[in-house]
PDB file of N, CA and C in Angstrom:
ATOM      1  N   MET A   1       0.818  -1.198   0.000  1.00  0.00           N
ATOM      2  CA  MET A   1       0.000   0.000   0.000  1.00  0.00           C
ATOM      3  C   MET A   1       0.862   1.262   0.000  1.00  0.00           C
ATOM      4  N   LEU A   2       2.035   1.183   0.664  1.00  0.00           N
ATOM      5  CA  LEU A   2       2.930   2.339   0.701  1.00  0.00           C
ATOM      6  C   LEU A   2       3.470   2.650  -0.696  1.00  0.00           C
ATOM      7  N   LYS A   3       3.749   1.595  -1.469  1.00  0.00           N
ATOM      8  CA  LYS A   3       4.240   1.813  -2.839  1.00  0.00           C
ATOM      9  C   LYS A   3       3.167   2.494  -3.686  1.00  0.00           C
ATOM     10  N   LEU A   4       1.921   2.055  -3.563  1.00  0.00           N
ATOM     11  CA  LEU A   4       0.832   2.677  -4.308  1.00  0.00           C
ATOM     12  C   LEU A   4       0.670   4.139  -3.903  1.00  0.00           C
ATOM     13  N   LEU A   5       0.733   4.412  -2.621  1.00  0.00           N
ATOM     14  CA  LEU A   5       0.592   5.787  -2.152  1.00  0.00           C
ATOM     15  C   LEU A   5       1.729   6.667  -2.678  1.00  0.00           C
ATOM     16  N   THR A   6       2.942   6.149  -2.660  1.00  0.00           N
ATOM     17  CA  THR A   6       4.092   6.895  -3.178  1.00  0.00           C
ATOM     18  C   THR A   6       3.946   7.162  -4.676  1.00  0.00           C
ATOM     19  N   LEU A   7       3.565   6.131  -5.423  1.00  0.00           N
ATOM     20  CA  LEU A   7       3.361   6.299  -6.867  1.00  0.00           C
ATOM     21  C   LEU A   7       2.231   7.294  -7.149  1.00  0.00           C
ATOM     22  N   SER A   8       1.152   7.194  -6.393  1.00  0.00           N
ATOM     23  CA  SER A   8       0.006   8.079  -6.611  1.00  0.00           C
ATOM     24  C   SER A   8       0.335   9.519  -6.278  1.00  0.00           C
ATOM     25  N   LEU A   9       1.055   9.730  -5.183  1.00  0.00           N
ATOM     26  CA  LEU A   9       1.452  11.097  -4.836  1.00  0.00           C
ATOM     27  C   LEU A   9       2.404  11.683  -5.881  1.00  0.00           C
ATOM     28  N   SER A  10       3.295  10.847  -6.404  1.00  0.00           N
ATOM     29  CA  SER A  10       4.190  11.297  -7.480  1.00  0.00           C
ATOM     30  C   SER A  10       3.402  11.637  -8.733  1.00  0.00           C
ATOM     31  N   GLN A  11       2.431  10.809  -9.052  1.00  0.00           N
ATOM     32  CA  GLN A  11       1.583  11.053 -10.230  1.00  0.00           C
ATOM     33  C   GLN A  11       0.788  12.332 -10.054  1.00  0.00           C
ATOM     34  N   CYS A  12       0.239  12.526  -8.870  1.00  0.00           N
ATOM     35  CA  CYS A  12      -0.537  13.745  -8.594  1.00  0.00           C
ATOM     36  C   CYS A  12       0.339  14.986  -8.640  1.00  0.00           C
ATOM     37  N   ALA A  13       1.562  14.876  -8.134  1.00  0.00           N
ATOM     38  CA  ALA A  13       2.485  16.013  -8.176  1.00  0.00           C
ATOM     39  C   ALA A  13       2.825  16.371  -9.620  1.00  0.00           C
ATOM     40  N   CYS A  14       3.077  15.361 -10.444  1.00  0.00           N
ATOM     41  CA  CYS A  14       3.359  15.619 -11.872  1.00  0.00           C
ATOM     42  C   CYS A  14       2.150  16.240 -12.564  1.00  0.00           C
ATOM     43  N   LEU A  15       0.970  15.743 -12.240  1.00  0.00           N
ATOM     44  CA  LEU A  15      -0.253  16.271 -12.838  1.00  0.00           C
ATOM     45  C   LEU A  15      -0.460  17.736 -12.453  1.00  0.00           C
ATOM     46  N   ALA A  16      -0.300  18.043 -11.177  1.00  0.00           N
ATOM     47  CA  ALA A  16      -0.462  19.424 -10.724  1.00  0.00           C
ATOM     48  C   ALA A  16       0.625  20.325 -11.307  1.00  0.00           C
ATOM     49  N   MET A  17       1.844  19.819 -11.378  1.00  0.00           N
ATOM     50  CA  MET A  17       2.933  20.597 -11.948  1.00  0.00           C
ATOM     51  C   MET A  17       2.663  20.898 -13.419  1.00  0.00           C
ATOM     52  N   GLY A  18       2.112  19.923 -14.123  1.00  0.00           N
ATOM     53  CA  GLY A  18       1.745  20.151 -15.517  1.00  0.00           C
ATOM     54  C   GLY A  18       0.711  21.251 -15.659  1.00  0.00           C
ATOM     55  N   GLN A  19      -0.247  21.284 -14.753  1.00  0.00           N
ATOM     56  CA  GLN A  19      -1.270  22.333 -14.793  1.00  0.00           C
ATOM     57  C   GLN A  19      -0.684  23.699 -14.454  1.00  0.00           C
ATOM     58  N   VAL A  20       0.259  23.732 -13.516  1.00  0.00           N
ATOM     59  CA  VAL A  20       0.915  24.995 -13.167  1.00  0.00           C
ATOM     60  C   VAL A  20       1.689  25.529 -14.372  1.00  0.00           C
ATOM     61  N   PHE A  21       2.455  24.655 -15.011  1.00  0.00           N
ATOM     62  CA  PHE A  21       3.205  25.085 -16.198  1.00  0.00           C
ATOM     63  C   PHE A  21       2.264  25.515 -17.320  1.00  0.00           C
ATOM     64  N   LEU A  22       1.129  24.847 -17.456  1.00  0.00           N
ATOM     65  CA  LEU A  22       0.155  25.231 -18.482  1.00  0.00           C
ATOM     66  C   LEU A  22      -0.397  26.625 -18.203  1.00  0.00           C
ATOM     67  N   LYS A  23      -0.711  26.909 -16.951  1.00  0.00           N
ATOM     68  CA  LYS A  23      -1.202  28.238 -16.577  1.00  0.00           C
ATOM     69  C   LYS A  23      -0.135  29.289 -16.865  1.00  0.00           C
ATOM     70  N   LEU A  24       1.112  29.006 -16.481  1.00  0.00           N
ATOM     71  CA  LEU A  24       2.200  29.947 -16.758  1.00  0.00           C
ATOM     72  C   LEU A  24       2.389  30.149 -18.257  1.00  0.00           C
ATOM     73  N   ALA A  25       2.241  29.088 -19.027  1.00  0.00           N
ATOM     74  CA  ALA A  25       2.375  29.188 -20.486  1.00  0.00           C
ATOM     75  C   ALA A  25       1.271  30.057 -21.078  1.00  0.00           C
ATOM     76  N   MET A  26       0.058  29.871 -20.607  1.00  0.00           N
ATOM     77  CA  MET A  26      -1.065  30.626 -21.168  1.00  0.00           C
ATOM     78  C   MET A  26      -1.001  32.104 -20.793  1.00  0.00           C
ATOM     79  N   VAL A  27      -0.436  32.414 -19.648  1.00  0.00           N
ATOM     80  CA  VAL A  27      -0.276  33.818 -19.255  1.00  0.00           C
ATOM     81  C   VAL A  27       0.669  34.528 -20.214  1.00  0.00           C
ATOM     82  N   LYS A  28       1.689  33.824 -20.678  1.00  0.00           N
ATOM     83  CA  LYS A  28       2.676  34.421 -21.583  1.00  0.00           C
ATOM     84  C   LYS A  28       2.207  34.501 -23.030  1.00  0.00           C
ATOM     85  N   MET A  29       1.166  33.759 -23.370  1.00  0.00           N
ATOM     86  CA  MET A  29       0.729  33.712 -24.766  1.00  0.00           C
ATOM     87  C   MET A  29      -0.047  34.964 -25.158  1.00  0.00           C
ATOM     88  N   PRO A  30       0.178  35.440 -26.381  1.00  0.00           N
ATOM     89  CA  PRO A  30      -0.634  36.562 -26.870  1.00  0.00           C
ATOM     90  C   PRO A  30      -2.037  36.079 -27.245  1.00  0.00           C
ATOM     91  N   LYS A  31      -2.906  37.005 -27.542  1.00  0.00           N
ATOM     92  CA  LYS A  31      -4.251  36.659 -27.982  1.00  0.00           C
ATOM     93  C   LYS A  31      -4.156  35.794 -29.244  1.00  0.00           C
ATOM     94  N   PHE A  32      -5.024  34.782 -29.330  1.00  0.00           N
ATOM     95  CA  PHE A  32      -4.966  33.853 -30.450  1.00  0.00           C
ATOM     96  C   PHE A  32      -5.266  34.554 -31.773  1.00  0.00           C
ATOM     97  N   GLU A  33      -4.429  34.265 -32.748  1.00  0.00           N
ATOM     98  CA  GLU A  33      -4.660  34.707 -34.122  1.00  0.00           C
ATOM     99  C   GLU A  33      -3.835  33.823 -35.045  1.00  0.00           C
ATOM    100  N   PHE A  34      -4.295  33.679 -36.254  1.00  0.00           N
ATOM    101  CA  PHE A  34      -3.551  32.887 -37.232  1.00  0.00           C
ATOM    102  C   PHE A  34      -2.441  33.753 -37.812  1.00  0.00           C
ATOM    103  N   SER A  35      -1.328  33.814 -37.090  1.00  0.00           N
ATOM    104  CA  SER A  35      -0.194  34.612 -37.552  1.00  0.00           C
ATOM    105  C   SER A  35       1.096  33.891 -37.184  1.00  0.00           C
ATOM    106  N   LEU A  36       2.131  34.247 -37.875  1.00  0.00           N
ATOM    107  CA  LEU A  36       3.440  33.655 -37.616  1.00  0.00           C
ATOM    108  C   LEU A  36       3.918  34.003 -36.212  1.00  0.00           C
ATOM    109  N   SER A  37       3.652  35.213 -35.773  1.00  0.00           N
ATOM    110  CA  SER A  37       4.122  35.611 -34.440  1.00  0.00           C
ATOM    111  C   SER A  37       3.421  34.800 -33.344  1.00  0.00           C
ATOM    112  N   PHE A  38       2.144  34.513 -33.520  1.00  0.00           N
ATOM    113  CA  PHE A  38       1.439  33.709 -32.516  1.00  0.00           C
ATOM    114  C   PHE A  38       2.019  32.300 -32.449  1.00  0.00           C
ATOM    115  N   PHE A  39       2.193  31.667 -33.592  1.00  0.00           N
ATOM    116  CA  PHE A  39       2.690  30.296 -33.599  1.00  0.00           C
ATOM    117  C   PHE A  39       4.159  30.218 -33.194  1.00  0.00           C
ATOM    118  N   THR A  40       4.930  31.269 -33.449  1.00  0.00           N
ATOM    119  CA  THR A  40       6.299  31.333 -32.955  1.00  0.00           C
ATOM    120  C   THR A  40       6.299  31.404 -31.439  1.00  0.00           C
ATOM    121  N   ALA A  41       5.419  32.242 -30.891  1.00  0.00           N
ATOM    122  CA  ALA A  41       5.297  32.337 -29.423  1.00  0.00           C
ATOM    123  C   ALA A  41       4.861  31.004 -28.834  1.00  0.00           C
ATOM    124  N   LEU A  42       3.977  30.304 -29.511  1.00  0.00           N
ATOM    125  CA  LEU A  42       3.495  29.008 -29.037  1.00  0.00           C
ATOM    126  C   LEU A  42       4.621  27.977 -29.024  1.00  0.00           C
ATOM    127  N   LEU A  43       5.384  27.919 -30.105  1.00  0.00           N
ATOM    128  CA  LEU A  43       6.426  26.903 -30.237  1.00  0.00           C
ATOM    129  C   LEU A  43       7.677  27.195 -29.428  1.00  0.00           C
ATOM    130  N   THR A  44       7.834  28.429 -28.974  1.00  0.00           N
ATOM    131  CA  THR A  44       9.001  28.781 -28.166  1.00  0.00           C
ATOM    132  C   THR A  44       8.647  29.005 -26.698  1.00  0.00           C
ATOM    133  N   ASN A  45       7.470  28.570 -26.305  1.00  0.00           N
ATOM    134  CA  ASN A  45       7.010  28.737 -24.935  1.00  0.00           C
ATOM    135  C   ASN A  45       7.499  27.540 -24.106  1.00  0.00           C
ATOM    136  N   TRP A  46       8.544  27.754 -23.324  1.00  0.00           N
ATOM    137  CA  TRP A  46       9.147  26.674 -22.552  1.00  0.00           C
ATOM    138  C   TRP A  46       8.198  26.115 -21.502  1.00  0.00           C
ATOM    139  N   ASN A  47       7.350  26.955 -20.947  1.00  0.00           N
ATOM    140  CA  ASN A  47       6.393  26.476 -19.953  1.00  0.00           C
ATOM    141  C   ASN A  47       5.426  25.463 -20.562  1.00  0.00           C
ATOM    142  N   LEU A  48       5.074  25.662 -21.819  1.00  0.00           N
ATOM    143  CA  LEU A  48       4.197  24.721 -22.501  1.00  0.00           C
ATOM    144  C   LEU A  48       4.895  23.372 -22.686  1.00  0.00           C
ATOM    145  N   LEU A  49       6.179  23.412 -23.003  1.00  0.00           N
ATOM    146  CA  LEU A  49       6.961  22.181 -23.125  1.00  0.00           C
ATOM    147  C   LEU A  49       7.017  21.447 -21.783  1.00  0.00           C
ATOM    148  N   PHE A  50       7.312  22.181 -20.716  1.00  0.00           N
ATOM    149  CA  PHE A  50       7.386  21.560 -19.389  1.00  0.00           C
ATOM    150  C   PHE A  50       6.029  21.024 -18.949  1.00  0.00           C
ATOM    151  N   SER A  51       4.963  21.702 -19.350  1.00  0.00           N
ATOM    152  CA  SER A  51       3.621  21.209 -19.056  1.00  0.00           C
ATOM    153  C   SER A  51       3.404  19.847 -19.718  1.00  0.00           C
ATOM    154  N   GLY A  52       3.766  19.765 -20.976  1.00  0.00           N
ATOM    155  CA  GLY A  52       3.619  18.496 -21.699  1.00  0.00           C
ATOM    156  C   GLY A  52       4.460  17.384 -21.099  1.00  0.00           C
ATOM    157  N   LEU A  53       5.692  17.709 -20.719  1.00  0.00           N
ATOM    158  CA  LEU A  53       6.557  16.701 -20.105  1.00  0.00           C
ATOM    159  C   LEU A  53       6.011  16.241 -18.759  1.00  0.00           C
ATOM    160  N   SER A  54       5.509  17.174 -17.972  1.00  0.00           N
ATOM    161  CA  SER A  54       4.942  16.819 -16.668  1.00  0.00           C
ATOM    162  C   SER A  54       3.695  15.961 -16.827  1.00  0.00           C
ATOM    163  N   MET A  55       2.831  16.351 -17.766  1.00  0.00           N
ATOM    164  CA  MET A  55       1.611  15.577 -17.999  1.00  0.00           C
ATOM    165  C   MET A  55       1.949  14.195 -18.569  1.00  0.00           C
ATOM    166  N   GLY A  56       2.978  14.141 -19.407  1.00  0.00           N
ATOM    167  CA  GLY A  56       3.415  12.854 -19.943  1.00  0.00           C
ATOM    168  C   GLY A  56       3.932  11.940 -18.846  1.00  0.00           C
ATOM    169  N   ALA A  57       4.711  12.497 -17.924  1.00  0.00           N
ATOM    170  CA  ALA A  57       5.213  11.705 -16.798  1.00  0.00           C
ATOM    171  C   ALA A  57       4.051  11.230 -15.922  1.00  0.00           C
ATOM    172  N   ALA A  58       3.077  12.112 -15.686  1.00  0.00           N
ATOM    173  CA  ALA A  58       1.899  11.726 -14.900  1.00  0.00           C
ATOM    174  C   ALA A  58       1.147  10.590 -15.589  1.00  0.00           C
ATOM    175  N   SER A  59       1.031  10.673 -16.905  1.00  0.00           N
ATOM    176  CA  SER A  59       0.333   9.621 -17.648  1.00  0.00           C
ATOM    177  C   SER A  59       1.074   8.293 -17.569  1.00  0.00           C
ATOM    178  N   LEU A  60       2.387   8.319 -17.691  1.00  0.00           N
ATOM    179  CA  LEU A  60       3.162   7.074 -17.596  1.00  0.00           C
ATOM    180  C   LEU A  60       3.026   6.441 -16.212  1.00  0.00           C
ATOM    181  N   LEU A  61       3.079   7.271 -15.183  1.00  0.00           N
ATOM    182  CA  LEU A  61       2.865   6.751 -13.825  1.00  0.00           C
ATOM    183  C   LEU A  61       1.468   6.166 -13.676  1.00  0.00           C
ATOM    184  N   TRP A  62       0.492   6.847 -14.260  1.00  0.00           N
ATOM    185  CA  TRP A  62      -0.891   6.365 -14.177  1.00  0.00           C
ATOM    186  C   TRP A  62      -1.042   5.023 -14.893  1.00  0.00           C
ATOM    187  N   PHE A  63      -0.392   4.881 -16.052  1.00  0.00           N
ATOM    188  CA  PHE A  63      -0.429   3.603 -16.774  1.00  0.00           C
ATOM    189  C   PHE A  63       0.083   2.482 -15.874  1.00  0.00           C
ATOM    190  N   TYR A  64       1.198   2.739 -15.200  1.00  0.00           N
ATOM    191  CA  TYR A  64       1.771   1.731 -14.311  1.00  0.00           C
ATOM    192  C   TYR A  64       0.811   1.419 -13.160  1.00  0.00           C
ATOM    193  N   ILE A  65       0.255   2.463 -12.574  1.00  0.00           N
ATOM    194  CA  ILE A  65      -0.624   2.286 -11.412  1.00  0.00           C
ATOM    195  C   ILE A  65      -1.851   1.437 -11.770  1.00  0.00           C
ATOM    196  N   ILE A  66      -2.517   1.787 -12.869  1.00  0.00           N
ATOM    197  CA  ILE A  66      -3.751   1.044 -13.180  1.00  0.00           C
ATOM    198  C   ILE A  66      -3.470  -0.364 -13.697  1.00  0.00           C
ATOM    199  N   LYS A  67      -2.251  -0.608 -14.161  1.00  0.00           N
ATOM    200  CA  LYS A  67      -1.901  -1.963 -14.576  1.00  0.00           C
ATOM    201  C   LYS A  67      -1.670  -2.867 -13.365  1.00  0.00           C
ATOM    202  N   HIS A  68      -1.115  -2.316 -12.296  1.00  0.00           N
ATOM    203  CA  HIS A  68      -0.677  -3.134 -11.171  1.00  0.00           C
ATOM    204  C   HIS A  68      -1.557  -3.069  -9.923  1.00  0.00           C
ATOM    205  N   TYR A  69      -2.515  -2.167  -9.891  1.00  0.00           N
ATOM    206  CA  TYR A  69      -3.342  -2.018  -8.688  1.00  0.00           C
ATOM    207  C   TYR A  69      -4.814  -1.986  -9.060  1.00  0.00           C
ATOM    208  N   GLU A  70      -5.646  -2.277  -8.077  1.00  0.00           N
ATOM    209  CA  GLU A  70      -7.090  -2.227  -8.310  1.00  0.00           C
ATOM    210  C   GLU A  70      -7.523  -0.802  -8.622  1.00  0.00           C
ATOM    211  N   PHE A  71      -8.347  -0.680  -9.630  1.00  0.00           N
ATOM    212  CA  PHE A  71      -8.825   0.633 -10.077  1.00  0.00           C
ATOM    213  C   PHE A  71      -9.618   1.337  -8.982  1.00  0.00           C
ATOM    214  N   SER A  72     -10.407   0.559  -8.238  1.00  0.00           N
ATOM    215  CA  SER A  72     -11.243   1.154  -7.191  1.00  0.00           C
ATOM    216  C   SER A  72     -10.424   1.719  -6.039  1.00  0.00           C
ATOM    217  N   ILE A  73      -9.187   1.300  -5.922  1.00  0.00           N
ATOM    218  CA  ILE A  73      -8.294   1.862  -4.909  1.00  0.00           C
ATOM    219  C   ILE A  73      -7.448   2.983  -5.518  1.00  0.00           C
ATOM    220  N   ALA A  74      -6.976   2.769  -6.733  1.00  0.00           N
ATOM    221  CA  ALA A  74      -6.065   3.728  -7.362  1.00  0.00           C
ATOM    222  C   ALA A  74      -6.763   5.038  -7.751  1.00  0.00           C
ATOM    223  N   TYR A  75      -7.952   4.933  -8.292  1.00  0.00           N
ATOM    224  CA  TYR A  75      -8.600   6.129  -8.827  1.00  0.00           C
ATOM    225  C   TYR A  75      -8.896   7.197  -7.779  1.00  0.00           C
ATOM    226  N   PRO A  76      -9.399   6.845  -6.604  1.00  0.00           N
ATOM    227  CA  PRO A  76      -9.645   7.892  -5.600  1.00  0.00           C
ATOM    228  C   PRO A  76      -8.383   8.639  -5.175  1.00  0.00           C
ATOM    229  N   LEU A  77      -7.228   8.006  -5.311  1.00  0.00           N
ATOM    230  CA  LEU A  77      -5.992   8.663  -4.903  1.00  0.00           C
ATOM    231  C   LEU A  77      -5.632   9.853  -5.795  1.00  0.00           C
ATOM    232  N   ILE A  78      -6.210   9.912  -6.983  1.00  0.00           N
ATOM    233  CA  ILE A  78      -5.974  11.063  -7.863  1.00  0.00           C
ATOM    234  C   ILE A  78      -6.434  12.360  -7.207  1.00  0.00           C
ATOM    235  N   SER A  79      -7.381  12.246  -6.283  1.00  0.00           N
ATOM    236  CA  SER A  79      -7.899  13.467  -5.653  1.00  0.00           C
ATOM    237  C   SER A  79      -6.838  14.221  -4.862  1.00  0.00           C
ATOM    238  N   PHE A  80      -5.710  13.579  -4.573  1.00  0.00           N
ATOM    239  CA  PHE A  80      -4.630  14.301  -3.902  1.00  0.00           C
ATOM    240  C   PHE A  80      -4.016  15.365  -4.808  1.00  0.00           C
ATOM    241  N   SER A  81      -4.275  15.291  -6.098  1.00  0.00           N
ATOM    242  CA  SER A  81      -3.793  16.356  -6.987  1.00  0.00           C
ATOM    243  C   SER A  81      -4.471  17.684  -6.654  1.00  0.00           C
ATOM    244  N   TYR A  82      -5.666  17.632  -6.060  1.00  0.00           N
ATOM    245  CA  TYR A  82      -6.323  18.867  -5.621  1.00  0.00           C
ATOM    246  C   TYR A  82      -5.528  19.553  -4.520  1.00  0.00           C
ATOM    247  N   VAL A  83      -4.916  18.758  -3.663  1.00  0.00           N
ATOM    248  CA  VAL A  83      -4.089  19.326  -2.593  1.00  0.00           C
ATOM    249  C   VAL A  83      -2.898  20.058  -3.203  1.00  0.00           C
ATOM    250  N   PHE A  84      -2.224  19.396  -4.133  1.00  0.00           N
ATOM    251  CA  PHE A  84      -1.077  20.026  -4.791  1.00  0.00           C
ATOM    252  C   PHE A  84      -1.499  21.269  -5.569  1.00  0.00           C
ATOM    253  N   GLY A  85      -2.652  21.199  -6.199  1.00  0.00           N
ATOM    254  CA  GLY A  85      -3.162  22.357  -6.935  1.00  0.00           C
ATOM    255  C   GLY A  85      -3.450  23.537  -6.019  1.00  0.00           C
ATOM    256  N   MET A  86      -4.015  23.255  -4.869  1.00  0.00           N
ATOM    257  CA  MET A  86      -4.314  24.313  -3.905  1.00  0.00           C
ATOM    258  C   MET A  86      -3.024  24.941  -3.388  1.00  0.00           C
ATOM    259  N   LEU A  87      -2.039  24.106  -3.106  1.00  0.00           N
ATOM    260  CA  LEU A  87      -0.755  24.629  -2.645  1.00  0.00           C
ATOM    261  C   LEU A  87      -0.071  25.457  -3.728  1.00  0.00           C
ATOM    262  N   ALA A  88      -0.190  25.024  -4.971  1.00  0.00           N
ATOM    263  CA  ALA A  88       0.378  25.801  -6.079  1.00  0.00           C
ATOM    264  C   ALA A  88      -0.326  27.141  -6.225  1.00  0.00           C
ATOM    265  N   ALA A  89      -1.635  27.153  -6.030  1.00  0.00           N
ATOM    266  CA  ALA A  89      -2.379  28.410  -6.105  1.00  0.00           C
ATOM    267  C   ALA A  89      -1.849  29.412  -5.083  1.00  0.00           C
ATOM    268  N   ILE A  90      -1.493  28.917  -3.922  1.00  0.00           N
ATOM    269  CA  ILE A  90      -0.995  29.799  -2.857  1.00  0.00           C
ATOM    270  C   ILE A  90       0.452  30.215  -3.101  1.00  0.00           C
ATOM    271  N   PHE A  91       1.324  29.231  -3.331  1.00  0.00           N
ATOM    272  CA  PHE A  91       2.755  29.515  -3.369  1.00  0.00           C
ATOM    273  C   PHE A  91       3.276  29.980  -4.731  1.00  0.00           C
ATOM    274  N   VAL A  92       2.647  29.553  -5.811  1.00  0.00           N
ATOM    275  CA  VAL A  92       3.121  29.952  -7.143  1.00  0.00           C
ATOM    276  C   VAL A  92       2.366  31.170  -7.650  1.00  0.00           C
ATOM    277  N   PHE A  93       1.034  31.143  -7.510  1.00  0.00           N
ATOM    278  CA  PHE A  93       0.213  32.212  -8.065  1.00  0.00           C
ATOM    279  C   PHE A  93      -0.221  33.245  -7.030  1.00  0.00           C
ATOM    280  N   HIS A  94       0.167  33.040  -5.782  1.00  0.00           N
ATOM    281  CA  HIS A  94      -0.107  33.980  -4.691  1.00  0.00           C
ATOM    282  C   HIS A  94      -1.592  34.314  -4.569  1.00  0.00           C
ATOM    283  N   GLU A  95      -2.413  33.299  -4.708  1.00  0.00           N
ATOM    284  CA  GLU A  95      -3.858  33.465  -4.550  1.00  0.00           C
ATOM    285  C   GLU A  95      -4.232  33.283  -3.086  1.00  0.00           C
ATOM    286  N   SER A  96      -5.277  33.952  -2.686  1.00  0.00           N
ATOM    287  CA  SER A  96      -5.790  33.696  -1.339  1.00  0.00           C
ATOM    288  C   SER A  96      -6.882  32.638  -1.461  1.00  0.00           C
ATOM    289  N   VAL A  97      -6.829  31.674  -0.580  1.00  0.00           N
ATOM    290  CA  VAL A  97      -7.765  30.560  -0.620  1.00  0.00           C
ATOM    291  C   VAL A  97      -8.680  30.672   0.597  1.00  0.00           C
ATOM    292  N   PRO A  98      -9.978  30.835   0.366  1.00  0.00           N
ATOM    293  CA  PRO A  98     -10.892  30.982   1.501  1.00  0.00           C
ATOM    294  C   PRO A  98     -11.051  29.680   2.281  1.00  0.00           C
ATOM    295  N   VAL A  99     -11.531  29.825   3.489  1.00  0.00           N
ATOM    296  CA  VAL A  99     -11.707  28.691   4.398  1.00  0.00           C
ATOM    297  C   VAL A  99     -12.640  27.644   3.795  1.00  0.00           C
ATOM    298  N   THR A 100     -13.653  28.066   3.069  1.00  0.00           N
ATOM    299  CA  THR A 100     -14.603  27.100   2.505  1.00  0.00           C
ATOM    300  C   THR A 100     -13.918  26.144   1.523  1.00  0.00           C
ATOM    301  N   ARG A 101     -12.949  26.631   0.781  1.00  0.00           N
ATOM    302  CA  ARG A 101     -12.218  25.737  -0.134  1.00  0.00           C
ATOM    303  C   ARG A 101     -11.357  24.755   0.641  1.00  0.00           C
ATOM    304  N   TRP A 102     -10.751  25.223   1.737  1.00  0.00           N
ATOM    305  CA  TRP A 102      -9.978  24.318   2.580  1.00  0.00           C
ATOM    306  C   TRP A 102     -10.873  23.250   3.189  1.00  0.00           C
ATOM    307  N   MET A 103     -12.073  23.651   3.568  1.00  0.00           N
ATOM    308  CA  MET A 103     -13.017  22.677   4.123  1.00  0.00           C
ATOM    309  C   MET A 103     -13.390  21.636   3.074  1.00  0.00           C
ATOM    310  N   GLY A 104     -13.655  22.085   1.863  1.00  0.00           N
ATOM    311  CA  GLY A 104     -13.974  21.162   0.778  1.00  0.00           C
ATOM    312  C   GLY A 104     -12.826  20.219   0.484  1.00  0.00           C
ATOM    313  N   LEU A 105     -11.624  20.748   0.461  1.00  0.00           N
ATOM    314  CA  LEU A 105     -10.440  19.926   0.225  1.00  0.00           C
ATOM    315  C   LEU A 105     -10.260  18.896   1.337  1.00  0.00           C
ATOM    316  N   THR A 106     -10.507  19.310   2.560  1.00  0.00           N
ATOM    317  CA  THR A 106     -10.422  18.385   3.692  1.00  0.00           C
ATOM    318  C   THR A 106     -11.430  17.255   3.553  1.00  0.00           C
ATOM    319  N   LEU A 107     -12.648  17.581   3.120  1.00  0.00           N
ATOM    320  CA  LEU A 107     -13.664  16.542   2.916  1.00  0.00           C
ATOM    321  C   LEU A 107     -13.251  15.557   1.822  1.00  0.00           C
ATOM    322  N   ILE A 108     -12.655  16.072   0.775  1.00  0.00           N
ATOM    323  CA  ILE A 108     -12.190  15.203  -0.311  1.00  0.00           C
ATOM    324  C   ILE A 108     -11.118  14.247   0.199  1.00  0.00           C
ATOM    325  N   VAL A 109     -10.149  14.763   0.931  1.00  0.00           N
ATOM    326  CA  VAL A 109      -9.069  13.933   1.444  1.00  0.00           C
ATOM    327  C   VAL A 109      -9.614  12.914   2.456  1.00  0.00           C
ATOM    328  N   LEU A 110     -10.495  13.341   3.334  1.00  0.00           N
ATOM    329  CA  LEU A 110     -11.099  12.405   4.284  1.00  0.00           C
ATOM    330  C   LEU A 110     -11.885  11.320   3.560  1.00  0.00           C
ATOM    331  N   GLY A 111     -12.613  11.706   2.526  1.00  0.00           N
ATOM    332  CA  GLY A 111     -13.350  10.719   1.730  1.00  0.00           C
ATOM    333  C   GLY A 111     -12.431   9.705   1.097  1.00  0.00           C
ATOM    334  N   THR A 112     -11.277  10.155   0.651  1.00  0.00           N
ATOM    335  CA  THR A 112     -10.293   9.244   0.062  1.00  0.00           C
ATOM    336  C   THR A 112      -9.811   8.234   1.095  1.00  0.00           C
ATOM    337  N   PHE A 113      -9.554   8.703   2.305  1.00  0.00           N
ATOM    338  CA  PHE A 113      -9.121   7.775   3.351  1.00  0.00           C
ATOM    339  C   PHE A 113     -10.207   6.750   3.671  1.00  0.00           C
ATOM    340  N   PHE A 114     -11.469   7.170   3.663  1.00  0.00           N
ATOM    341  CA  PHE A 114     -12.564   6.217   3.913  1.00  0.00           C
ATOM    342  C   PHE A 114     -12.653   5.191   2.803  1.00  0.00           C
ATOM    343  N   LEU A 115     -12.415   5.611   1.568  1.00  0.00           N
ATOM    344  CA  LEU A 115     -12.440   4.670   0.454  1.00  0.00           C
ATOM    345  C   LEU A 115     -11.334   3.638   0.537  1.00  0.00           C
ATOM    346  N   LEU A 116     -10.214   4.045   1.110  1.00  0.00           N
ATOM    347  CA  LEU A 116      -9.065   3.138   1.191  1.00  0.00           C
ATOM    348  C   LEU A 116      -9.170   2.153   2.346  1.00  0.00           C
ATOM    349  N   LYS A 117     -10.059   2.379   3.261  1.00  0.00           N
ATOM    350  CA  LYS A 117     -10.203   1.472   4.429  1.00  0.00           C
ATOM    351  C   LYS A 117     -10.853   0.171   4.006  1.00  0.00           C
TER     352      LYS A 117
END
């Protein structure tokens, strides 16, 4: 069970990191238009590349997880990506997170623990 938890947390971290890089990439992108400058900006956006690499790593970990573990146990563990996403919102994007969102996140995590029992 510890191996599954470690793999799942790694997968969730990669997934959240991919979303963070995607957000950073989209902030740098100009308004969409069919122009050479837009597609040059798209193809030279390093954050977009890192987003793809992070999401690819998350997908490879997920492939391994669902091949070797029960789906009904593995799938609820994905909800830990919400924790990483919330932390990224605070530390990377400097967003303020209201108490109600923390309460919701706590319920999700508690629900995951009940599913694993």
